[in-house]
Amino acid sequence: MPNPTSPQSGTRAAAPIRVLLVEDHKMVAEALGAAFEEFPEIQLVASVESLAHGMIAVEEHLPDIVLLDRRLPDGDGIEAITRLRALSPSSRVLVLTGDANSAIAARILEVGGAGLLLKSGLLDELITAIRTVAAGDVIIDPELLSGALAMLAGSSGPLGPVLSLRERQVLGLIADGAGTDRIAEELRLARNTVRNHVQRILVKTGTHSKLEAVAHARKNGLLERP
C-alpha cells in the first residue's frame, strides 16, 4: 500500500490540489498549515477564521477543496455549504468536526458536501480524504454513511449529492449500454475500479442490478455524462 507521506517519483508532477481552510481554532489552523507544507501536491491558498471571510476567500481563490469547520463563530458550517458552492461551483467542501453522527452526515450530503472528517483523526487520514474528494468521490465513514443514506431515502428531497461525480459518470455510461471495458476506457480507470464504483452505486441507491440502478437514476436525476 502506498505511503501517503511519500511522493511518487519518476512522473511529471500534477497541478497541486488547492485548499482553502476555514477554521477558527488558531492552533488547529496553524498545525494543519504546517503539515500541508510536507505535501507538495497540496497547496494551502488561504486560511481564514470565519464564514464571512470564507465567502470572500472562496470567491477570490476558487479552491479545489474547502476544509470547513462545522462550528464557526458566525454560523453553522454545514448551512453555509450551499452558499460557498454557489460562489465557486467547482469547489468541493469537506467538513471537519469534533463529533459526528448519521444525521450530520445526511445534512452534509443533502446540501452537496463532499465528506465529513473527525478532527481527532490522523493526518494521513486527512491527506487521503483530500485526495479522495479532489478525485470526485465522497468520503464518509461507512457506518455513518449507511444511516445517512437511510435518512435521505426516507426524505422527499433529491438523492443526487449521495453519488460522487465519478459514480454519476459511470451510471451515465451504463445507461448508454456501456460494459465494464468501455467504461474503463472512456473514464481511464482500471476494470476493478469500475466494478468497485458499480458496487458502491448499488449500495448507495439501494438497488440490486445495473438496470435497477439506471431506472432509479432516471427517476431521481442522477445521471451525468463524462
Protein backbone atom coordinates (compact mmCIF):
# COMPACT_ATOMS: atom_id res chain seq x y z
CA MET A 1 0.00 0.00 0.00
CA PRO A 2 1.46 3.37 -0.98
CA ASN A 3 2.51 5.65 1.84
CA PRO A 4 0.67 9.00 1.66
CA THR A 5 3.78 10.68 3.03
CA SER A 6 5.91 9.51 0.11
CA PRO A 7 5.52 11.45 -3.17
CA GLN A 8 5.68 9.39 -6.35
CA SER A 9 8.88 9.66 -8.32
CA GLY A 10 9.61 9.37 -11.99
CA THR A 11 6.40 11.07 -13.13
CA ARG A 12 5.65 14.61 -14.08
CA ALA A 13 4.14 16.49 -11.15
CA ALA A 14 0.42 17.17 -11.47
CA ALA A 15 -1.09 20.52 -10.55
CA PRO A 16 -1.42 20.78 -6.76
CA ILE A 17 -4.75 20.41 -5.01
CA ARG A 18 -5.65 23.94 -3.96
CA VAL A 19 -7.12 24.02 -0.45
CA LEU A 20 -8.92 26.77 1.47
CA LEU A 21 -9.07 26.23 5.24
CA VAL A 22 -11.95 27.77 7.21
CA GLU A 23 -11.11 27.07 10.86
CA ASP A 24 -11.45 29.37 13.86
CA HIS A 25 -9.18 27.44 16.23
CA LYS A 26 -5.79 29.05 15.70
CA MET A 27 -3.73 26.09 16.93
CA VAL A 28 -5.58 23.67 14.64
CA ALA A 29 -5.22 26.01 11.66
CA GLU A 30 -1.50 26.54 12.27
CA ALA A 31 -0.88 22.81 12.75
CA LEU A 32 -2.67 21.96 9.51
CA GLY A 33 -0.87 24.73 7.64
CA ALA A 34 2.50 23.41 8.80
CA ALA A 35 1.51 19.84 7.97
CA PHE A 36 0.42 20.71 4.43
CA GLU A 37 3.89 22.09 3.72
CA GLU A 38 5.15 18.50 3.85
CA PHE A 39 2.90 17.51 0.94
CA PRO A 40 3.88 19.22 -2.33
CA GLU A 41 0.68 18.01 -4.03
CA ILE A 42 -1.39 20.14 -1.62
CA GLN A 43 -1.32 23.94 -1.78
CA LEU A 44 -2.96 25.90 1.05
CA VAL A 45 -4.19 29.00 -0.77
CA ALA A 46 -5.67 30.69 2.31
CA SER A 47 -6.61 30.11 5.94
CA VAL A 48 -9.46 32.13 7.45
CA GLU A 49 -11.30 32.09 10.77
CA SER A 50 -14.94 32.81 9.89
CA LEU A 51 -17.67 32.08 7.37
CA ALA A 52 -17.71 35.71 6.28
CA HIS A 53 -14.02 35.61 5.40
CA GLY A 54 -14.51 32.14 3.93
CA MET A 55 -17.05 33.51 1.44
CA ILE A 56 -14.61 36.19 0.35
CA ALA A 57 -11.70 33.75 0.11
CA VAL A 58 -13.60 31.10 -1.86
CA GLU A 59 -14.66 33.68 -4.43
CA GLU A 60 -11.13 35.05 -4.67
CA HIS A 61 -9.21 31.77 -4.85
CA LEU A 62 -11.75 29.31 -6.35
CA PRO A 63 -10.11 26.42 -4.47
CA ASP A 64 -10.41 22.75 -5.37
CA ILE A 65 -11.22 21.85 -1.76
CA VAL A 66 -12.72 23.85 1.10
CA LEU A 67 -11.84 22.38 4.50
CA LEU A 68 -14.69 23.74 6.59
CA ASP A 69 -15.08 23.68 10.36
CA ARG A 70 -18.62 22.64 11.28
CA ARG A 71 -18.90 25.17 14.12
CA LEU A 72 -17.71 28.72 13.44
CA PRO A 73 -18.22 31.96 15.39
CA ASP A 74 -20.54 33.45 12.78
CA GLY A 75 -22.57 30.41 11.81
CA ASP A 76 -23.02 26.72 11.08
CA GLY A 77 -20.51 25.48 8.51
CA ILE A 78 -22.89 22.90 7.04
CA GLU A 79 -25.59 25.51 6.45
CA ALA A 80 -23.01 27.58 4.54
CA ILE A 81 -22.08 24.84 2.05
CA THR A 82 -24.75 25.85 -0.47
CA ARG A 83 -23.57 29.48 -0.44
CA LEU A 84 -19.91 28.51 -0.74
CA ARG A 85 -20.60 26.27 -3.73
CA ALA A 86 -22.72 28.95 -5.38
CA LEU A 87 -19.67 31.24 -5.28
CA SER A 88 -17.36 28.51 -6.60
CA PRO A 89 -19.34 25.61 -8.13
CA SER A 90 -16.23 23.55 -8.84
CA SER A 91 -15.06 23.68 -5.21
CA ARG A 92 -15.76 20.59 -3.11
CA VAL A 93 -16.44 21.01 0.60
CA LEU A 94 -15.00 18.64 3.22
CA VAL A 95 -16.38 19.27 6.71
CA LEU A 96 -14.16 19.00 9.79
CA THR A 97 -15.93 18.29 13.07
CA GLY A 98 -15.24 17.27 16.64
CA ASP A 99 -18.18 14.88 16.67
CA ALA A 100 -20.31 13.18 14.06
CA ASN A 101 -23.41 11.06 13.59
CA SER A 102 -25.58 9.89 10.71
CA ALA A 103 -27.85 12.93 10.94
CA ILE A 104 -24.89 15.28 10.48
CA ALA A 105 -23.61 13.16 7.58
CA ALA A 106 -27.07 13.24 5.96
CA ARG A 107 -27.20 17.04 6.21
CA ILE A 108 -23.80 17.35 4.55
CA LEU A 109 -24.82 15.08 1.67
CA GLU A 110 -28.17 16.81 1.30
CA VAL A 111 -26.61 20.23 0.72
CA GLY A 112 -23.92 18.96 -1.63
CA GLY A 113 -20.97 18.47 0.71
CA ALA A 114 -18.26 16.04 -0.32
CA GLY A 115 -17.45 14.47 3.01
CA LEU A 116 -17.05 14.51 6.74
CA LEU A 117 -13.89 14.00 8.77
CA LEU A 118 -13.27 13.97 12.52
CA LYS A 119 -10.68 16.41 13.82
CA SER A 120 -9.37 13.64 16.06
CA GLY A 121 -8.33 11.62 13.01
CA LEU A 122 -4.76 11.09 11.88
CA LEU A 123 -3.03 13.44 9.46
CA ASP A 124 -2.69 10.62 6.91
CA GLU A 125 -6.48 10.20 7.01
CA LEU A 126 -6.95 13.89 6.22
CA ILE A 127 -4.47 13.79 3.33
CA THR A 128 -6.18 10.69 1.93
CA ALA A 129 -9.57 12.38 2.32
CA ILE A 130 -8.38 15.48 0.44
CA ARG A 131 -7.06 13.32 -2.40
CA THR A 132 -10.27 11.27 -2.49
CA VAL A 133 -12.55 14.30 -2.56
CA ALA A 134 -10.37 16.06 -5.15
CA ALA A 135 -10.76 12.97 -7.37
CA GLY A 136 -14.53 13.41 -7.31
CA ASP A 137 -15.52 10.91 -4.63
CA VAL A 138 -17.43 11.36 -1.39
CA ILE A 139 -15.75 10.36 1.87
CA ILE A 140 -17.80 9.50 4.95
CA ASP A 141 -17.31 6.72 7.48
CA PRO A 142 -19.23 3.66 6.20
CA GLU A 143 -21.20 3.30 9.44
CA LEU A 144 -22.33 6.92 9.28
CA LEU A 145 -23.00 6.66 5.54
CA SER A 146 -25.36 3.73 6.00
CA GLY A 147 -27.51 5.68 8.46
CA ALA A 148 -27.31 8.85 6.38
CA LEU A 149 -28.49 7.08 3.24
CA ALA A 150 -31.41 5.59 5.13
CA MET A 151 -32.43 9.08 6.27
CA LEU A 152 -32.09 10.54 2.79
CA ALA A 153 -34.01 7.66 1.24
CA GLY A 154 -36.88 8.42 3.59
CA SER A 155 -36.96 12.10 2.66
CA SER A 156 -38.64 13.68 -0.32
CA GLY A 157 -35.52 15.54 -1.46
CA PRO A 158 -33.29 14.57 -4.40
CA LEU A 159 -30.65 11.92 -3.81
CA GLY A 160 -28.07 13.40 -6.19
CA PRO A 161 -25.49 14.51 -3.60
CA VAL A 162 -25.25 10.90 -2.36
CA LEU A 163 -23.40 9.83 -5.52
CA SER A 164 -20.00 11.21 -6.40
CA LEU A 165 -19.35 12.81 -9.79
CA ARG A 166 -17.44 9.71 -10.92
CA GLU A 167 -20.27 7.41 -9.84
CA ARG A 168 -22.78 9.50 -11.80
CA GLN A 169 -20.49 9.32 -14.84
CA VAL A 170 -20.32 5.53 -14.53
CA LEU A 171 -24.12 5.42 -14.25
CA GLY A 172 -24.46 7.58 -17.35
CA LEU A 173 -22.32 5.18 -19.38
CA ILE A 174 -24.22 2.17 -18.05
CA ALA A 175 -27.43 3.88 -19.17
CA ASP A 176 -25.87 4.22 -22.65
CA GLY A 177 -25.32 0.46 -22.70
CA ALA A 178 -21.60 0.51 -21.94
CA GLY A 179 -19.96 -2.50 -20.35
CA THR A 180 -17.06 -2.57 -17.93
CA ASP A 181 -14.37 -2.44 -20.63
CA ARG A 182 -15.84 0.58 -22.39
CA ILE A 183 -16.41 2.43 -19.12
CA ALA A 184 -12.82 1.75 -18.08
CA GLU A 185 -11.54 3.03 -21.43
CA GLU A 186 -13.67 6.18 -21.55
CA LEU A 187 -13.02 7.18 -17.94
CA ARG A 188 -9.41 5.92 -17.96
CA LEU A 189 -9.99 3.64 -15.00
CA ALA A 190 -8.91 0.11 -14.15
CA ARG A 191 -11.62 -2.52 -14.66
CA ASN A 192 -11.59 -3.35 -10.94
CA THR A 193 -12.09 0.33 -10.15
CA VAL A 194 -15.15 0.38 -12.41
CA ARG A 195 -16.54 -2.68 -10.64
CA ASN A 196 -15.98 -1.00 -7.27
CA HIS A 197 -17.84 2.10 -8.46
CA VAL A 198 -20.75 -0.06 -9.65
CA GLN A 199 -20.89 -1.85 -6.30
CA ARG A 200 -20.96 1.45 -4.40
CA ILE A 201 -23.70 2.75 -6.71
CA LEU A 202 -25.85 -0.30 -5.95
CA VAL A 203 -25.29 0.08 -2.21
CA LYS A 204 -25.95 3.82 -2.17
CA THR A 205 -29.09 3.62 -4.31
CA GLY A 206 -30.43 0.53 -2.57
CA THR A 207 -30.72 -1.34 -5.88
CA HIS A 208 -29.70 -4.86 -6.85
CA SER A 209 -28.74 -4.66 -10.52
CA LYS A 210 -27.37 -2.22 -13.08
CA LEU A 211 -30.77 -1.98 -14.78
CA GLU A 212 -32.48 -1.19 -11.49
CA ALA A 213 -29.80 1.39 -10.69
CA VAL A 214 -30.31 3.09 -14.06
CA ALA A 215 -34.09 3.18 -13.53
CA HIS A 216 -33.52 4.69 -10.08
CA ALA A 217 -31.08 7.21 -11.56
CA ARG A 218 -33.50 8.34 -14.25
CA LYS A 219 -36.23 8.83 -11.66
CA ASN A 220 -34.01 10.90 -9.36
CA GLY A 221 -31.97 12.82 -11.95
CA LEU A 222 -28.66 11.23 -11.01
CA LEU A 223 -27.26 10.62 -14.49
CA GLU A 224 -24.22 12.54 -15.66
CA ARG A 225 -22.14 12.11 -18.78
CA PRO A 226 -18.30 12.08 -18.69
